Amino acid sequence: MRSLNKVALMGYLATDPELKSTTGGKNVATFKIATNRDWKSADGDKHESTDFHKIVTWRGLADAVAKHLTKGAGVYLEGRLSNHQYKDKEGHDRMVTEIVADTINFLNFKKTKDSEEVNLVEVPS
């Protein structure tokens, strides 16, 4: 049986991308995006919650993200979940889940009276 590890998210950058280089010279950019979820409780009250997701991009995509995206920008991305463990300064085991994006598109949101139009603009890699 084959397995599948695929993530698709659409949201807004919650932080500016941070571009770094590995000791091997590969560029990596990290940032967070915010996604919203709406629901109604049993008593009919409307609620909204926001989730924040850590995103990692590599090489040319990292360069493009750092150059073209800033906090508040809308994006649609696809990638995979990645988990890793480390020990913090106090020696406690910690686990990090992040999304390694391999495709990112800019989103231009245009609100009208009755709806919201979304235009995709592909990020150069």
C-alpha atoms as a PDB file:
ATOM      1  CA  MET A   1       0.000   0.000   0.000  1.00  0.00           C
ATOM      2  CA  ARG A   2       1.288   3.456  -0.890  1.00  0.00           C
ATOM      3  CA  SER A   3       1.113   6.231   1.654  1.00  0.00           C
ATOM      4  CA  LEU A   4       0.227   9.886   1.209  1.00  0.00           C
ATOM      5  CA  ASN A   5       1.557  12.969   2.983  1.00  0.00           C
ATOM      6  CA  LYS A   6       0.028  16.023   1.313  1.00  0.00           C
ATOM      7  CA  VAL A   7      -1.099  19.346   2.725  1.00  0.00           C
ATOM      8  CA  ALA A   8      -2.954  22.174   0.985  1.00  0.00           C
ATOM      9  CA  LEU A   9      -3.538  25.451   2.828  1.00  0.00           C
ATOM     10  CA  MET A  10      -4.905  28.858   1.923  1.00  0.00           C
ATOM     11  CA  GLY A  11      -4.416  31.728   4.322  1.00  0.00           C
ATOM     12  CA  TYR A  12      -2.478  34.864   5.168  1.00  0.00           C
ATOM     13  CA  LEU A  13       1.146  35.245   6.226  1.00  0.00           C
ATOM     14  CA  ALA A  14       1.204  35.834   9.972  1.00  0.00           C
ATOM     15  CA  THR A  15       4.922  36.696   9.921  1.00  0.00           C
ATOM     16  CA  ASP A  16       7.414  38.013   7.412  1.00  0.00           C
ATOM     17  CA  PRO A  17       9.515  35.228   5.873  1.00  0.00           C
ATOM     18  CA  GLU A  18      12.918  34.714   7.491  1.00  0.00           C
ATOM     19  CA  LEU A  19      15.629  33.694   5.019  1.00  0.00           C
ATOM     20  CA  LYS A  20      18.696  31.774   6.218  1.00  0.00           C
ATOM     21  CA  SER A  21      21.381  29.624   4.637  1.00  0.00           C
ATOM     22  CA  THR A  22      22.484  26.189   5.802  1.00  0.00           C
ATOM     23  CA  THR A  23      26.158  25.427   6.329  1.00  0.00           C
ATOM     24  CA  GLY A  24      25.992  23.670   2.953  1.00  0.00           C
ATOM     25  CA  GLY A  25      24.824  26.877   1.254  1.00  0.00           C
ATOM     26  CA  LYS A  26      21.154  25.969   0.712  1.00  0.00           C
ATOM     27  CA  ASN A  27      18.665  28.772   1.336  1.00  0.00           C
ATOM     28  CA  VAL A  28      15.704  28.099   3.598  1.00  0.00           C
ATOM     29  CA  ALA A  29      12.835  30.465   4.395  1.00  0.00           C
ATOM     30  CA  THR A  30      10.426  30.004   7.289  1.00  0.00           C
ATOM     31  CA  PHE A  31       7.215  31.838   8.076  1.00  0.00           C
ATOM     32  CA  LYS A  32       3.798  31.239   9.604  1.00  0.00           C
ATOM     33  CA  ILE A  33       0.419  31.428   7.935  1.00  0.00           C
ATOM     34  CA  ALA A  34      -2.934  31.882   9.602  1.00  0.00           C
ATOM     35  CA  THR A  35      -6.041  29.954   8.583  1.00  0.00           C
ATOM     36  CA  ASN A  36      -9.541  30.669   9.911  1.00  0.00           C
ATOM     37  CA  ARG A  37     -12.383  28.328  10.706  1.00  0.00           C
ATOM     38  CA  ASP A  38     -16.014  29.371  11.266  1.00  0.00           C
ATOM     39  CA  TRP A  39     -18.716  27.327  12.944  1.00  0.00           C
ATOM     40  CA  LYS A  40     -22.003  27.649  14.793  1.00  0.00           C
ATOM     41  CA  SER A  41     -22.471  26.225  18.269  1.00  0.00           C
ATOM     42  CA  ALA A  42     -25.545  24.217  19.252  1.00  0.00           C
ATOM     43  CA  ASP A  43     -27.228  27.413  20.477  1.00  0.00           C
ATOM     44  CA  GLY A  44     -26.702  29.076  17.066  1.00  0.00           C
ATOM     45  CA  ASP A  45     -23.889  31.456  18.078  1.00  0.00           C
ATOM     46  CA  LYS A  46     -21.266  32.061  15.417  1.00  0.00           C
ATOM     47  CA  HIS A  47     -17.628  31.366  16.325  1.00  0.00           C
ATOM     48  CA  GLU A  48     -14.298  31.742  14.587  1.00  0.00           C
ATOM     49  CA  SER A  49     -10.882  30.360  15.459  1.00  0.00           C
ATOM     50  CA  THR A  50      -7.490  30.878  13.887  1.00  0.00           C
ATOM     51  CA  ASP A  51      -4.764  28.272  13.484  1.00  0.00           C
ATOM     52  CA  PHE A  52      -1.140  29.171  12.819  1.00  0.00           C
ATOM     53  CA  HIS A  53       1.054  26.872  10.726  1.00  0.00           C
ATOM     54  CA  LYS A  54       4.849  26.917  10.459  1.00  0.00           C
ATOM     55  CA  ILE A  55       5.927  26.792   6.810  1.00  0.00           C
ATOM     56  CA  VAL A  56       9.391  25.900   5.477  1.00  0.00           C
ATOM     57  CA  THR A  57      10.580  26.449   1.900  1.00  0.00           C
ATOM     58  CA  TRP A  58      13.922  25.568   0.333  1.00  0.00           C
ATOM     59  CA  ARG A  59      16.294  26.825  -2.368  1.00  0.00           C
ATOM     60  CA  GLY A  60      14.761  28.911  -5.184  1.00  0.00           C
ATOM     61  CA  LEU A  61      11.294  28.856  -3.647  1.00  0.00           C
ATOM     62  CA  ALA A  62      12.794  30.174  -0.397  1.00  0.00           C
ATOM     63  CA  ASP A  63      14.431  33.031  -2.322  1.00  0.00           C
ATOM     64  CA  ALA A  64      11.165  33.897  -4.098  1.00  0.00           C
ATOM     65  CA  VAL A  65       9.155  33.820  -0.869  1.00  0.00           C
ATOM     66  CA  ALA A  66      11.646  36.071   0.920  1.00  0.00           C
ATOM     67  CA  LYS A  67      11.690  38.502  -2.012  1.00  0.00           C
ATOM     68  CA  HIS A  68       7.969  38.720  -2.812  1.00  0.00           C
ATOM     69  CA  LEU A  69       5.931  37.914   0.323  1.00  0.00           C
ATOM     70  CA  THR A  70       5.370  39.891   3.516  1.00  0.00           C
ATOM     71  CA  LYS A  71       3.129  39.614   6.542  1.00  0.00           C
ATOM     72  CA  GLY A  72      -0.536  39.849   5.523  1.00  0.00           C
ATOM     73  CA  ALA A  73      -0.061  38.458   2.007  1.00  0.00           C
ATOM     74  CA  GLY A  74      -2.543  35.804   0.902  1.00  0.00           C
ATOM     75  CA  VAL A  75      -1.116  32.468  -0.228  1.00  0.00           C
ATOM     76  CA  TYR A  76      -2.202  29.054  -1.416  1.00  0.00           C
ATOM     77  CA  LEU A  77       0.399  26.378  -0.826  1.00  0.00           C
ATOM     78  CA  GLU A  78       0.895  22.658  -1.185  1.00  0.00           C
ATOM     79  CA  GLY A  79       3.471  20.530   0.554  1.00  0.00           C
ATOM     80  CA  ARG A  80       3.951  17.825   3.160  1.00  0.00           C
ATOM     81  CA  LEU A  81       3.927  17.496   6.938  1.00  0.00           C
ATOM     82  CA  SER A  82       7.305  17.092   8.606  1.00  0.00           C
ATOM     83  CA  ASN A  83       7.881  16.226  12.280  1.00  0.00           C
ATOM     84  CA  HIS A  84      11.141  16.366  14.154  1.00  0.00           C
ATOM     85  CA  GLN A  85      12.250  16.199  17.767  1.00  0.00           C
ATOM     86  CA  TYR A  86      14.895  18.133  19.648  1.00  0.00           C
ATOM     87  CA  LYS A  87      15.964  18.848  23.222  1.00  0.00           C
ATOM     88  CA  ASP A  88      15.384  22.357  24.506  1.00  0.00           C
ATOM     89  CA  LYS A  89      17.854  24.304  26.681  1.00  0.00           C
ATOM     90  CA  GLU A  90      16.500  22.613  29.805  1.00  0.00           C
ATOM     91  CA  GLY A  91      16.928  19.147  28.274  1.00  0.00           C
ATOM     92  CA  HIS A  92      13.219  18.494  27.672  1.00  0.00           C
ATOM     93  CA  ASP A  93      12.170  16.625  24.544  1.00  0.00           C
ATOM     94  CA  ARG A  94      10.193  18.799  22.144  1.00  0.00           C
ATOM     95  CA  MET A  95       8.403  17.930  18.915  1.00  0.00           C
ATOM     96  CA  VAL A  96       7.861  20.342  16.038  1.00  0.00           C
ATOM     97  CA  THR A  97       5.386  19.863  13.214  1.00  0.00           C
ATOM     98  CA  GLU A  98       5.889  22.016  10.156  1.00  0.00           C
ATOM     99  CA  ILE A  99       4.762  22.091   6.559  1.00  0.00           C
ATOM    100  CA  VAL A 100       7.467  21.832   3.927  1.00  0.00           C
ATOM    101  CA  ALA A 101       5.956  23.696   0.969  1.00  0.00           C
ATOM    102  CA  ASP A 102       6.903  22.787  -2.575  1.00  0.00           C
ATOM    103  CA  THR A 103       4.323  24.967  -4.366  1.00  0.00           C
ATOM    104  CA  ILE A 104       3.212  28.451  -3.364  1.00  0.00           C
ATOM    105  CA  ASN A 105       0.878  30.823  -5.180  1.00  0.00           C
ATOM    106  CA  PHE A 106       0.184  34.457  -4.317  1.00  0.00           C
ATOM    107  CA  LEU A 107      -3.463  35.213  -3.711  1.00  0.00           C
ATOM    108  CA  ASN A 108      -5.024  38.535  -4.570  1.00  0.00           C
ATOM    109  CA  PHE A 109      -8.318  38.825  -2.709  1.00  0.00           C
ATOM    110  CA  LYS A 110     -10.938  41.170  -4.113  1.00  0.00           C
ATOM    111  CA  LYS A 111     -14.063  41.517  -2.027  1.00  0.00           C
ATOM    112  CA  THR A 112     -17.310  42.483  -3.667  1.00  0.00           C
ATOM    113  CA  LYS A 113     -20.679  43.170  -2.098  1.00  0.00           C
ATOM    114  CA  ASP A 114     -21.808  39.548  -2.342  1.00  0.00           C
ATOM    115  CA  SER A 115     -18.647  37.457  -2.567  1.00  0.00           C
ATOM    116  CA  GLU A 116     -14.901  37.258  -2.497  1.00  0.00           C
ATOM    117  CA  GLU A 117     -12.916  36.747  -5.706  1.00  0.00           C
ATOM    118  CA  VAL A 118      -9.547  35.018  -5.515  1.00  0.00           C
ATOM    119  CA  ASN A 119      -6.895  35.354  -8.217  1.00  0.00           C
ATOM    120  CA  LEU A 120      -3.877  33.019  -8.192  1.00  0.00           C
ATOM    121  CA  VAL A 121      -0.465  34.350  -9.143  1.00  0.00           C
ATOM    122  CA  GLU A 122       2.212  31.649  -9.229  1.00  0.00           C
ATOM    123  CA  VAL A 123       5.376  32.369  -7.237  1.00  0.00           C
ATOM    124  CA  PRO A 124       8.481  32.010  -9.406  1.00  0.00           C
ATOM    125  CA  SER A 125      10.860  29.324  -8.159  1.00  0.00           C
END
